Each structure stands twice: as C-alpha cells, then as structure tokens.
Protein backbone atom coordinates (compact mmCIF):
# COMPACT_ATOMS: atom_id res chain seq x y z
CA MET A 1 0.00 0.00 0.00
CA GLU A 2 2.86 2.36 0.78
CA SER A 3 4.35 1.82 -2.68
CA ILE A 4 0.96 2.55 -4.29
CA LYS A 5 0.68 5.74 -2.27
CA ARG A 6 4.17 6.81 -3.38
CA LEU A 7 3.23 6.09 -6.99
CA ARG A 8 0.04 8.17 -6.73
CA GLU A 9 1.98 11.08 -5.23
CA SER A 10 4.90 10.87 -7.66
CA LYS A 11 5.58 13.59 -10.21
CA GLU A 12 5.87 11.02 -12.99
CA PHE A 13 2.38 9.67 -12.30
CA ALA A 14 0.93 13.20 -12.34
CA VAL A 15 2.59 13.87 -15.70
CA GLY A 16 1.30 10.55 -17.06
CA VAL A 17 -2.28 11.29 -16.00
CA VAL A 18 -2.28 14.79 -17.49
CA PHE A 19 -0.63 13.45 -20.67
CA LEU A 20 -3.45 10.90 -20.89
CA GLY A 21 -5.97 13.69 -20.31
CA VAL A 22 -4.55 15.80 -23.15
CA PHE A 23 -4.42 12.75 -25.43
CA ALA A 24 -8.00 11.76 -24.60
CA ASP A 25 -9.33 15.31 -25.05
CA ILE A 26 -7.74 15.78 -28.48
CA THR A 27 -8.59 12.24 -29.58
CA VAL A 28 -12.27 12.74 -28.75
CA TYR A 29 -12.16 16.08 -30.57
CA SER A 30 -10.44 14.52 -33.61
CA VAL A 31 -12.84 11.57 -33.70
CA ILE A 32 -15.96 13.74 -33.67
CA ILE A 33 -14.91 16.54 -36.06
CA PRO A 34 -14.73 14.38 -39.24
CA ILE A 35 -18.21 12.91 -38.72
CA ILE A 36 -20.03 16.19 -38.00
CA PRO A 37 -21.05 16.61 -41.70
CA PHE A 38 -22.58 13.12 -41.66
CA VAL A 39 -24.43 13.86 -38.42
CA LEU A 40 -25.83 17.06 -39.94
CA ASP A 41 -26.92 15.09 -42.98
CA SER A 42 -28.67 12.51 -40.79
CA ILE A 43 -30.81 15.21 -39.17
CA GLU A 44 -31.31 16.97 -42.51
CA GLN A 45 -29.39 20.14 -41.70
CA PRO A 46 -27.13 22.04 -44.15
CA GLU A 47 -23.34 21.89 -43.80
CA THR A 48 -23.29 25.63 -43.16
CA TRP A 49 -23.91 24.68 -39.53
CA VAL A 50 -20.33 23.34 -39.34
CA GLY A 51 -18.96 26.86 -38.83
CA ILE A 52 -21.48 27.57 -36.07
CA LEU A 53 -20.58 24.31 -34.32
CA LEU A 54 -16.88 25.24 -34.47
CA ALA A 55 -17.69 28.64 -32.97
CA ALA A 56 -19.75 26.97 -30.23
CA TYR A 57 -16.69 24.98 -29.20
CA GLY A 58 -14.65 28.18 -28.87
CA MET A 59 -17.39 29.78 -26.77
CA GLY A 60 -17.37 26.68 -24.58
CA ILE A 61 -13.62 27.04 -24.01
CA ILE A 62 -14.01 30.63 -22.84
CA ALA A 63 -16.96 29.75 -20.58
CA GLY A 64 -15.21 26.66 -19.21
CA SER A 65 -11.99 28.55 -18.50
CA ALA A 66 -13.87 31.12 -16.42
CA LEU A 67 -16.02 28.45 -14.73
CA PHE A 68 -13.19 26.18 -13.58
CA TRP A 69 -11.06 29.13 -12.54
CA LEU A 70 -13.83 30.46 -10.31
CA LEU A 71 -14.59 27.01 -8.86
CA VAL A 72 -10.96 26.46 -7.87
CA GLU A 73 -10.15 30.02 -6.79
CA LYS A 74 -13.27 30.18 -4.60
CA LYS A 75 -12.32 26.74 -3.21
CA VAL A 76 -15.62 25.16 -4.25
CA VAL A 77 -13.57 22.26 -5.61
CA ASN A 78 -9.88 21.49 -5.79
CA LYS A 79 -8.03 20.82 -9.04
CA LYS A 80 -8.39 17.04 -8.84
CA VAL A 81 -12.16 17.20 -8.33
CA GLY A 82 -12.45 19.79 -11.11
CA MET A 83 -10.57 17.49 -13.49
CA ILE A 84 -12.92 14.61 -12.62
CA LEU A 85 -16.04 16.75 -13.05
CA SER A 86 -14.82 17.89 -16.47
CA LEU A 87 -14.83 14.28 -17.67
CA GLY A 88 -18.48 14.04 -16.66
CA VAL A 89 -19.12 17.00 -18.96
CA THR A 90 -17.15 15.25 -21.73
CA LEU A 91 -19.29 12.14 -21.31
CA ALA A 92 -22.47 14.23 -21.58
CA ALA A 93 -21.16 15.90 -24.74
CA VAL A 94 -20.34 12.57 -26.42
CA LEU A 95 -23.76 11.12 -25.56
CA LEU A 96 -25.47 14.22 -26.95
CA PHE A 97 -23.53 13.80 -30.18
CA ALA A 98 -24.43 10.11 -30.38
CA PHE A 99 -28.17 10.58 -29.94
CA ALA A 100 -28.76 14.15 -31.17
CA GLN A 101 -31.91 14.61 -33.23
CA SER A 102 -31.80 18.40 -33.53
CA ILE A 103 -29.30 21.14 -34.29
CA ALA A 104 -29.86 22.58 -30.80
CA ALA A 105 -28.60 19.33 -29.27
CA LEU A 106 -25.47 19.45 -31.45
CA VAL A 107 -24.74 23.06 -30.50
CA CYS A 108 -25.18 22.15 -26.83
CA ALA A 109 -22.85 19.17 -27.30
CA ARG A 110 -20.13 21.36 -28.80
CA LEU A 111 -20.52 23.90 -25.99
CA LEU A 112 -20.12 21.13 -23.42
CA GLN A 113 -17.12 19.73 -25.28
CA GLY A 114 -15.41 23.12 -25.15
CA ILE A 115 -16.20 23.51 -21.45
CA SER A 116 -14.91 20.02 -20.61
CA SER A 117 -11.58 20.56 -22.38
CA CYS A 118 -10.66 23.17 -19.76
CA GLY A 119 -10.47 20.44 -17.14
CA VAL A 120 -7.14 19.29 -18.52
CA TRP A 121 -5.91 22.41 -20.34
CA VAL A 122 -6.41 24.67 -17.30
CA LEU A 123 -6.58 22.50 -14.19
CA GLY A 124 -4.36 19.69 -15.49
CA LEU A 125 -1.53 21.98 -16.56
CA SER A 126 -1.75 24.03 -13.35
CA TYR A 127 -1.71 20.76 -11.35
CA VAL A 128 1.57 19.74 -12.98
CA ALA A 129 2.94 23.26 -12.44
CA ASP A 130 2.09 22.87 -8.73
CA VAL A 131 3.87 19.52 -8.57
CA TYR A 132 7.00 20.95 -10.22
CA ALA A 133 6.91 24.31 -8.42
CA ASN A 134 10.14 23.49 -6.55
CA ASP A 135 11.77 21.53 -9.38
CA GLN A 136 12.04 23.76 -12.44
CA LYS A 137 15.10 22.25 -14.10
CA ASN A 138 13.09 19.76 -16.19
CA PHE A 139 9.77 21.61 -16.32
CA GLY A 140 10.06 22.52 -19.99
CA LEU A 141 10.69 18.89 -20.96
CA VAL A 142 7.76 17.76 -18.80
CA MET A 143 5.36 20.21 -20.46
CA SER A 144 6.57 19.24 -23.94
CA ILE A 145 5.89 15.57 -23.14
CA ILE A 146 2.37 16.48 -22.01
CA PHE A 147 1.78 18.53 -25.16
CA SER A 148 2.93 15.62 -27.31
CA GLY A 149 -0.34 14.00 -26.24
CA MET A 150 -2.04 16.58 -28.45
CA SER A 151 -0.06 15.43 -31.49
CA PHE A 152 -0.74 11.76 -30.79
CA GLY A 153 -4.45 12.54 -30.43
CA GLN A 154 -4.45 14.33 -33.78
CA LEU A 155 -2.60 11.36 -35.24
CA ILE A 156 -4.96 8.65 -34.00
CA GLY A 157 -8.37 10.36 -33.93
CA PRO A 158 -9.23 10.87 -37.64
CA PRO A 159 -8.31 7.37 -38.93
CA VAL A 160 -10.04 5.69 -35.98
CA SER A 161 -13.10 7.84 -36.62
CA GLY A 162 -13.29 6.90 -40.29
CA TRP A 163 -12.68 3.21 -39.66
CA LEU A 164 -15.24 2.88 -36.85
CA TYR A 165 -17.87 5.00 -38.60
CA GLY A 166 -17.60 2.68 -41.59
CA ILE A 167 -18.45 -0.29 -39.33
CA ASN A 168 -21.25 1.34 -37.36
CA THR A 169 -22.27 4.98 -37.09
CA LYS A 170 -22.37 4.77 -33.27
CA ASP A 171 -19.00 3.04 -32.82
CA PRO A 172 -16.88 6.26 -32.77
CA TYR A 173 -18.91 7.46 -29.78
CA TRP A 174 -18.48 4.20 -27.87
CA PHE A 175 -14.75 4.44 -28.49
CA CYS A 176 -14.74 7.98 -27.05
CA ILE A 177 -16.73 6.85 -24.00
CA ALA A 178 -14.28 4.00 -23.36
CA LEU A 179 -11.37 6.44 -23.59
CA VAL A 180 -13.10 8.81 -21.14
CA PHE A 181 -13.44 6.02 -18.57
CA VAL A 182 -9.74 5.09 -18.92
CA ASP A 183 -8.87 8.75 -18.37
CA LEU A 184 -11.25 8.87 -15.40
CA ILE A 185 -9.37 6.05 -13.65
CA GLY A 186 -6.14 8.03 -13.81
CA ARG A 187 -7.76 11.20 -12.47
CA PHE A 188 -9.28 9.31 -9.55
CA LEU A 189 -5.91 7.79 -8.67
CA ILE A 190 -3.75 10.92 -8.60
CA ALA A 191 -3.12 12.49 -5.22
CA ASP A 192 -4.94 15.64 -4.18
CA VAL A 193 -3.44 18.85 -5.48
CA PRO A 194 -0.69 20.19 -3.23
CA ALA A 195 -2.03 22.95 -1.02
CA SER A 196 -0.91 26.52 -1.53
CA PRO A 197 2.28 27.19 0.41
CA ASP A 198 2.00 28.58 3.90
CA THR A 199 4.31 31.13 5.52
CA ASP A 200 7.23 28.82 6.21
CA THR A 201 6.99 27.09 2.85
CA VAL A 202 7.07 30.37 0.94
CA ALA A 203 9.97 31.61 3.00
CA THR A 204 11.92 28.44 2.21
CA GLN A 205 11.16 28.61 -1.50
CA LEU A 206 12.24 32.23 -1.76
CA ASP A 207 15.21 31.77 0.55
CA LEU A 208 13.96 34.65 2.70
CA PRO A 209 13.63 34.58 6.49
CA SER A 210 10.12 34.63 7.91
CA LEU A 211 10.01 37.60 10.26
CA ALA A 212 6.90 37.26 12.39
CA SER A 213 6.02 40.89 12.88
CA ALA A 214 2.33 41.72 12.89
CA ASN A 215 3.06 45.38 12.15
CA SER A 216 5.33 44.79 9.18
CA ASP A 217 4.39 45.34 5.57
CA THR A 218 3.75 42.32 3.37
CA ILE A 219 5.76 41.44 0.30
CA ILE A 220 5.26 38.34 -1.82
CA HIS A 221 7.89 38.08 -4.53
CA SER A 222 8.37 36.02 -7.66
CA PRO A 223 10.71 36.46 -10.64
CA ALA A 224 7.94 38.28 -12.51
CA LEU A 225 5.73 39.96 -9.92
CA LEU A 226 5.95 41.92 -6.71
CA LEU A 227 2.87 41.95 -4.49
CA VAL A 228 3.01 44.64 -1.82
CA ALA A 229 0.53 45.38 0.96
CA THR A 230 1.22 48.13 3.49
CA LYS A 231 -0.61 49.79 6.32
CA GLU A 232 -0.92 53.02 4.33
CA ARG A 233 -2.03 51.58 0.98
CA PRO A 234 -4.05 48.60 -0.31
CA ALA A 235 -2.40 45.62 -1.96
CA ALA A 236 -0.79 46.39 -5.30
CA LEU A 237 0.80 44.14 -7.89
CA TYR A 238 3.94 45.38 -9.67
CA SER A 239 5.77 43.99 -12.67
CA ILE A 240 9.20 43.68 -11.13
CA ASP A 241 10.95 42.96 -14.40
CA THR A 242 10.29 46.54 -15.51
CA LEU A 243 11.49 47.96 -12.18
CA THR A 244 8.75 50.59 -12.17
CA ASN A 245 6.47 51.94 -9.47
CA ILE A 246 8.32 50.04 -6.75
CA PRO A 247 8.18 51.77 -3.35
CA THR A 248 11.57 53.20 -2.44
CA THR A 249 10.99 53.49 1.31
CA LEU A 250 11.08 49.78 2.21
CA THR A 251 14.05 48.35 4.07
CA SER A 252 15.09 44.86 5.02
CA LYS A 253 13.18 45.26 8.29
CA ASP A 254 9.95 45.57 6.33
CA VAL A 255 10.45 42.38 4.33
CA PHE A 256 8.69 39.23 5.44
CA ILE A 257 6.46 36.55 3.95
CA ALA A 258 2.90 36.22 5.21
CA ARG A 259 -0.11 34.10 4.33
CA THR A 260 -2.14 35.87 1.68
CA SER A 261 -5.37 34.70 3.29
CA ASP A 262 -4.42 36.31 6.60
CA ASP A 263 -3.84 39.64 4.93
CA GLY A 264 -6.82 39.54 2.57
CA VAL A 265 -4.60 39.86 -0.49
CA GLU A 266 -6.48 38.61 -3.55
CA PHE A 267 -5.55 38.26 -7.19
CA SER A 268 -7.82 39.14 -10.10
CA PHE A 269 -7.65 39.50 -13.88
CA ARG A 270 -7.41 43.25 -13.33
CA ASN A 271 -4.09 42.63 -11.59
CA ILE A 272 -3.00 39.92 -14.01
CA GLY A 273 -2.95 42.60 -16.68
CA ARG A 274 0.04 44.14 -14.92
CA ALA A 275 2.12 40.96 -15.29
CA ARG A 276 4.00 41.94 -18.43
CA LEU A 277 5.74 38.61 -18.95
CA LEU A 278 2.42 36.76 -18.79
CA LEU A 279 0.81 39.15 -21.27
CA VAL A 280 3.72 38.86 -23.69
CA THR A 281 3.65 35.07 -23.49
CA CYS A 282 -0.11 34.99 -24.10
CA VAL A 283 0.22 37.27 -27.14
CA PHE A 284 2.98 34.99 -28.38
CA CYS A 285 0.63 32.02 -27.87
CA VAL A 286 -2.03 33.69 -30.05
CA ILE A 287 0.53 34.32 -32.80
CA ILE A 288 1.91 30.78 -32.89
CA ALA A 289 -1.53 29.15 -32.63
CA THR A 290 -2.78 31.32 -35.51
CA CYS A 291 0.15 30.41 -37.77
CA LEU A 292 -0.01 26.76 -36.76
CA THR A 293 -3.71 26.29 -37.55
CA GLN A 294 -4.03 28.49 -40.64
CA ILE A 295 -2.80 25.60 -42.78
CA GLU A 296 -5.34 23.04 -41.53
CA PRO A 297 -8.28 23.94 -43.82
CA THR A 298 -6.18 24.78 -46.89
CA LEU A 299 -3.50 22.08 -47.11
CA PRO A 300 -6.07 19.39 -48.06
CA LEU A 301 -7.45 21.67 -50.79
CA TYR A 302 -3.95 22.40 -52.09
CA LEU A 303 -2.97 18.72 -52.16
CA ASN A 304 -6.21 17.77 -53.89
CA ASN A 305 -5.95 20.48 -56.55
CA ARG A 306 -2.24 20.12 -57.25
CA PHE A 307 -1.64 16.39 -56.85
CA GLY A 308 -5.14 14.92 -57.00
CA TYR A 309 -4.86 13.45 -53.49
CA ASN A 310 -7.92 11.93 -51.82
CA SER A 311 -8.78 12.16 -48.12
CA GLY A 312 -6.87 9.00 -47.20
CA GLN A 313 -3.70 10.14 -48.95
CA ILE A 314 -3.98 13.61 -47.40
CA GLY A 315 -4.35 12.08 -43.94
CA THR A 316 -1.26 9.94 -44.50
CA LEU A 317 0.78 12.91 -45.70
CA TRP A 318 -0.30 14.91 -42.64
CA LEU A 319 1.78 12.45 -40.61
CA ALA A 320 4.83 14.12 -42.16
CA PHE A 321 3.96 17.17 -40.05
CA VAL A 322 2.53 15.59 -36.89
CA ILE A 323 5.29 13.07 -36.08
CA PRO A 324 8.22 15.53 -36.44
CA ASN A 325 6.15 18.02 -34.45
CA VAL A 326 6.34 15.68 -31.44
CA PHE A 327 10.14 15.50 -31.64
CA GLY A 328 10.40 19.24 -32.17
CA SER A 329 8.24 19.84 -29.10
CA VAL A 330 10.36 17.59 -26.87
CA PHE A 331 13.55 19.20 -28.17
CA GLY A 332 12.14 22.69 -27.64
CA GLY A 333 11.10 21.85 -24.08
CA THR A 334 14.55 20.48 -23.29
CA MET A 335 16.23 23.57 -24.71
CA TYR A 336 13.85 25.78 -22.69
CA ASP A 337 15.13 24.17 -19.49
CA LYS A 338 18.69 25.05 -20.47
CA TYR A 339 18.38 28.38 -22.23
CA GLY A 340 14.94 29.89 -21.53
CA ILE A 341 12.14 30.94 -23.85
CA ARG A 342 13.92 33.89 -25.46
CA ARG A 343 16.89 31.93 -26.79
CA VAL A 344 14.75 29.00 -27.95
CA CYS A 345 12.31 31.23 -29.80
CA CYS A 346 15.12 33.29 -31.33
CA VAL A 347 16.06 30.13 -33.24
CA ALA A 348 12.72 28.33 -33.66
CA MET A 349 10.53 31.27 -34.71
CA PRO A 350 12.68 32.37 -37.68
CA ALA A 351 13.01 28.70 -38.61
CA ALA A 352 9.21 28.35 -38.66
CA ALA A 353 8.92 31.45 -40.87
CA ILE A 354 11.52 30.07 -43.29
CA MET A 355 9.74 26.71 -43.48
CA LEU A 356 6.42 28.37 -44.32
CA GLY A 357 8.17 30.32 -47.06
CA LEU A 358 9.79 27.18 -48.48
CA LEU A 359 6.47 25.34 -48.30
CA ALA A 360 4.96 28.09 -50.45
CA ILE A 361 7.61 27.82 -53.17
CA PRO A 362 7.35 24.76 -55.46
CA GLY A 363 10.42 22.55 -55.21
CA PRO A 364 12.89 21.94 -58.03
CA THR A 365 11.19 18.66 -58.92
CA ASP A 366 7.64 19.78 -58.02
CA THR A 367 6.90 16.44 -56.36
CA ILE A 368 5.00 15.39 -53.27
CA ALA A 369 8.33 14.38 -51.71
CA TYR A 370 9.34 18.04 -51.53
CA VAL A 371 6.04 18.99 -49.86
CA ALA A 372 6.42 16.15 -47.35
CA CYS A 373 9.97 17.25 -46.55
CA MET A 374 8.92 20.86 -45.97
CA LEU A 375 6.00 19.70 -43.80
CA ALA A 376 8.40 17.65 -41.69
CA PHE A 377 10.76 20.58 -41.10
CA SER A 378 7.77 22.84 -40.40
CA GLY A 379 6.55 20.36 -37.79
CA ILE A 380 9.92 20.41 -36.05
CA ALA A 381 10.13 24.22 -36.10
CA PHE A 382 6.59 24.82 -34.84
CA GLY A 383 7.02 22.14 -32.17
CA GLY A 384 10.16 23.91 -30.98
CA VAL A 385 8.61 27.38 -30.89
CA PHE A 386 5.38 26.27 -29.19
CA ALA A 387 6.95 24.05 -26.50
CA PRO A 388 8.29 26.84 -24.23
CA ILE A 389 4.93 28.61 -23.91
CA ALA A 390 3.34 26.40 -21.22
CA PRO A 391 6.34 26.41 -18.83
CA ALA A 392 6.89 30.12 -19.46
CA ILE A 393 3.30 30.78 -18.36
CA ALA A 394 4.04 29.17 -14.98
CA ALA A 395 7.32 31.07 -14.69
CA ALA A 396 5.50 34.38 -15.17
CA VAL A 397 3.34 34.23 -12.02
CA PRO A 398 3.56 33.03 -8.41
CA LYS A 399 2.39 29.50 -7.64
CA GLU A 400 -0.97 30.50 -6.20
CA PHE A 401 -1.92 32.16 -9.50
CA TYR A 402 -1.21 29.21 -11.83
CA VAL A 403 -4.88 28.52 -12.55
CA GLY A 404 -5.58 32.09 -13.64
CA ALA A 405 -2.43 32.10 -15.78
CA TYR A 406 -3.41 28.90 -17.59
CA VAL A 407 -6.92 30.28 -18.08
CA ALA A 408 -5.27 33.20 -19.90
CA MET A 409 -3.16 30.78 -21.97
CA ASN A 410 -6.16 28.60 -22.83
CA ILE A 411 -8.19 31.58 -24.02
CA SER A 412 -5.19 32.87 -25.99
CA TYR A 413 -4.75 29.52 -27.71
CA SER A 414 -8.48 29.37 -28.43
CA ILE A 415 -8.34 32.80 -30.07
CA GLY A 416 -5.43 31.70 -32.25
CA THR A 417 -7.08 28.45 -33.30
CA SER A 418 -10.26 30.35 -34.17
CA VAL A 419 -8.58 33.15 -36.14
CA GLY A 420 -6.00 30.99 -37.96
CA PRO A 421 -8.33 28.77 -40.04
CA ILE A 422 -10.62 31.69 -40.92
CA VAL A 423 -7.79 33.94 -42.11
CA GLY A 424 -6.03 31.03 -43.82
CA ALA A 425 -9.15 30.02 -45.75
CA PHE A 426 -9.82 33.64 -46.73
CA LEU A 427 -6.29 34.13 -48.08
CA TYR A 428 -6.35 30.81 -49.92
CA GLN A 429 -9.59 31.68 -51.70
CA ASN A 430 -8.38 35.13 -52.72
CA ILE A 431 -4.63 34.87 -53.35
CA GLY A 432 -3.84 31.15 -53.41
CA PHE A 433 -1.81 28.74 -51.28
CA MET A 434 1.64 30.14 -52.12
CA TRP A 435 0.81 33.71 -51.12
CA GLN A 436 -1.07 32.47 -48.06
CA MET A 437 2.08 30.73 -46.80
CA LEU A 438 4.27 33.73 -47.67
CA ALA A 439 1.87 36.09 -45.87
CA PHE A 440 2.07 34.09 -42.65
CA ALA A 441 5.83 33.71 -43.02
CA LEU A 442 6.17 37.50 -43.21
CA PHE A 443 3.77 37.85 -40.27
CA LEU A 444 6.04 35.61 -38.17
CA VAL A 445 9.08 37.66 -39.19
CA ALA A 446 7.27 40.87 -38.19
CA CYS A 447 6.54 39.37 -34.76
CA ILE A 448 10.15 38.37 -34.03
CA PRO A 449 10.89 41.58 -32.02
CA LEU A 450 8.28 40.39 -29.51
CA ILE A 451 10.76 37.70 -28.45
CA PHE A 452 13.05 40.29 -26.91
CA LEU A 453 10.34 41.28 -24.41
CA MET A 454 10.61 37.79 -22.93
CA PRO A 455 12.95 36.83 -20.07
CA VAL A 456 16.45 35.66 -20.96
CA SER A 457 16.28 32.65 -18.68
CA ALA A 458 13.52 30.36 -17.46
CA ALA A 459 15.13 29.69 -14.11
CA PRO A 460 13.77 31.76 -11.20
CA SER A 461 17.25 32.13 -9.73
CA ALA A 462 18.54 33.53 -13.02
CA ALA A 463 15.64 35.95 -13.26
CA THR A 464 16.35 37.14 -9.74
CA ALA A 465 20.01 37.57 -10.58
CA GLU A 466 19.00 39.70 -13.56
CA ILE A 467 16.82 41.84 -11.31
CA SER A 468 19.67 42.25 -8.84
CA SER A 469 22.01 43.20 -11.68
CA ASN A 470 19.59 45.86 -12.88
CA ALA A 471 19.32 47.17 -9.34
CA LYS A 472 23.07 47.78 -9.19
CA ASN A 473 22.74 50.05 -12.21
CA ASN A 474 19.91 52.03 -10.63
CA LYS A 475 21.07 53.72 -7.46
CA THR A 476 17.65 55.21 -6.68
CA ARG A 477 15.95 51.84 -6.55
CA GLY A 478 19.01 49.87 -5.65
CA GLU A 479 18.48 50.00 -1.90
CA THR A 480 14.88 48.87 -2.29
CA LEU A 481 15.72 45.91 -4.51
CA MET A 482 18.64 44.91 -2.30
CA ALA A 483 16.01 44.37 0.40
CA LEU A 484 14.11 42.09 -1.99
CA LYS A 485 17.05 39.95 -3.10
CA MET A 486 16.61 36.28 -2.40
CA ARG A 487 19.64 35.96 -0.12
CA ASN A 488 20.19 34.97 3.47
CA GLU A 489 21.88 38.28 4.16
CA ILE A 490 18.53 39.97 4.88
C-alpha cells in the first residue's frame, strides 16, 4: 500500500495522468470533427452549420476557463475534483452527439465539449505546475511531453473515426466513451493537489527569512511579480521585471512573507494585466496558434488540386507534419530548461517562418516528396517554438496564480485556433496557397521583435540575478531591490 501511495503522489504519475488527459481530449475532438457533416446530414441540416458548431466549441472554451477558474479560486472544488467533473461534462457531450436529433442538441454538445476541455488544459496543466513548483530544471521537458499527447491525439483520432464509422455509425462514440473512462481512472488515482504554500513554505522557496512581525508590511515576490501590501495603501501588484512603481521606502526590516489569506490579499484579472511577462507570453501564444492552424483547412485543398490526393492520402501525408512536431516539441522543451524561452524562440521562430516560405515555393522537382519534406521541417520548427509557452506561463506568475495564468493561456490559444483557419481560408480563396504561406511567413518575421520582451532565462534564480544586476545600475531603486534579493543576508 505504501508503494501505491508513493506512486500516486509521484511527479511522474501526475505527468502521465495529465498526458493521458490531453491525449483523450484531443482524440475525442479529432474523432468527432470528421463525422459532423454526416451527423448534420442525418438530421437533414445544411453543412453551413459546421462553422457555427466550431464557434460553439470556442465559446465553450471561454466559458469553461472562467467556470473552472472560479470554482478552484473560490475553493468550491480542488483541481483534482475539477478534473474529474470535467470528464463528466465530456461524457455528456459525447452522448449528446451520439443521440442528437436536432441542431440545438449538437450546438449544446459542442458547448459542453469546449467547457470540458478546460479540465485538462487549465486544471491539469496548473496541477503539474504545482507539482513541479520546486523543481524547475526539467519543467520545460515535462510540459513538452504532455503537449505531445495533443499530437498523438491528432494522429490517432481521424483514422479511428473513419474506420469505426464505416463499421457502425455509433462506434466512434463508444470508443470515445471507453477512452473517457480510462482517463477517469487516472484522475481518480492521482493524489490531491498540493495545497498553496503557507508562511514557512514560501519563505523556504524564496530563501527569505520569515520575520513574524504583525506590524510589518507584506511582500510576496516572484521572478515576474511583486505583491506589496502596506498599512498606508491597499495591496498592489507590480511587474518587477520593468522595475517601475516600486516603493523606495522599504528596508530589510519591512520584508517578510505572510499568508495571503491572513492579509486579505487577492488576485484578479485586473491585476493579471500588470504581469508583463504573462501578457507577452499569451500574445505569443495567439501568434503561434494562428500560424499553426491556418494551414489546416487549406493544405487538403492544395494537395487535392495540385496532386489529386484523396482524403486517405492527405491524412497519411499529414503524418509528415505531426510526427516531427512531437520530436520538435520535446527538443524545444529540453532547450527551454537550459536556455529559456527567449533563446529557444530566437532560433525556432525564424526557422518556422523560413519553413512556411519554403512550403509556399514549389520545389525543383515539383513532387510530393518536396512537400512532405517541408511539412516535416515545419513540424519540427513549430514544435520547438510552441513548447516553451506552457512552462513560461508558470514562470510568469507566483504559484498561487497558476490557474488564472493557464486560463489566460487557454483563451489565448483558443483565439489563435479560431482566427487561424478563418484567415487562412480567406487568403487561400483570394490569393492562393503560395501567397497564403508567404503572408504568414512575413507575419512571423514581423513578430520576431516580440521575443526580446521575454525573459532571458527560465530559471527563477537567473531571473532574480538579472533583477539584482539591474538594481546595481539604478542607485535610486538599488536600496529597495537589495532588500528584496533572495539571499540569506537579509
């Protein structure tokens, strides 16, 4: 029993469960999407409803992100319970799809599917971030492994959907239900989410002494944010990386770590807007998601028009992108752990732009082999540039704000995946595939300066060292920041 308990509480088991959750979520999504036109036909509805059903899923993501964030932040449920409840919503969505007899039922099913996805994409990712809060050296690799579940889901879902639907129209839904129950077992078995750190825990993590003075001011510090509450002013959240608006009257005697609940310090999306690193990372997420998904509706059309490929051949060729994307993601996550998001993206983002440009230009032999090769290199580049986003989100905020941060990331990704296909399809219809790819390649190039707003290193200690270095060059604020340095000299 003791060994089982250790397994349930292990980091590896948590990563495995969340990986399974991501895989199951994307597999269910990929199984259902290809059969939506047939479902619409069975209830005698036009295919124009496909766009509305896609929009309903995006609305569900936004609603689900807000819902699960409120449930966890208000302590109605913890992250584990929220993840379990989300699978109940997934089950309801699949059953609605299976037995829908009206368009209203299908719209409701897509809304529920969007809501349920937030269980793993918000709570699951924040759960893993909690588990690895004190072990950041491999966090990028861990997140890239979890995100590879998305690629595997995209790989398996469509062919399974087509094969099962050909046997029996209800079989794809039974497959999804079976996968949900397997996922449910894992979520029941994981240990409860680690509680938010108390006074002593925070003091240990930040390497600051806990000075128990009831009259002292309160400071909670992370590499990205500075939360200050004083007797004269209400709590305020500062973006410490910009070194602006920081009080200059504090001394080392004022510095101590206190429980946020004891002091009534709360965090909201109004304050999250002041976290510059989080905002930059979310904008970056929108950009990459847009460029990554713009090709999805147009590549099949291009392959069909240029090479006469059918759906089966197109699906097989898509593997040339998906499989290298997994390896690119793992490599990008590993490099994030060593070099941080800025250095990784400085290489991967220009590479992704170049690959889109090369994909647009017909090869010297104008064969499908050239297209497959360019898709493979594009998969590697986009995997590398997308991998650092999830760990960088966690690095941008203190531990107790992980859920809100991943809500912001989930909404950002949803915006990108909604805008990308629409813009891509519009450009394809008006200027063709080549100019569509070149337009997005130039868009990526134009966004490269955004990289330099990101932190140099992912490691909290390195970020703190950078802050301390900046303080030495600013005599006015130097004394203040010296009081905030994470050293035992205080």
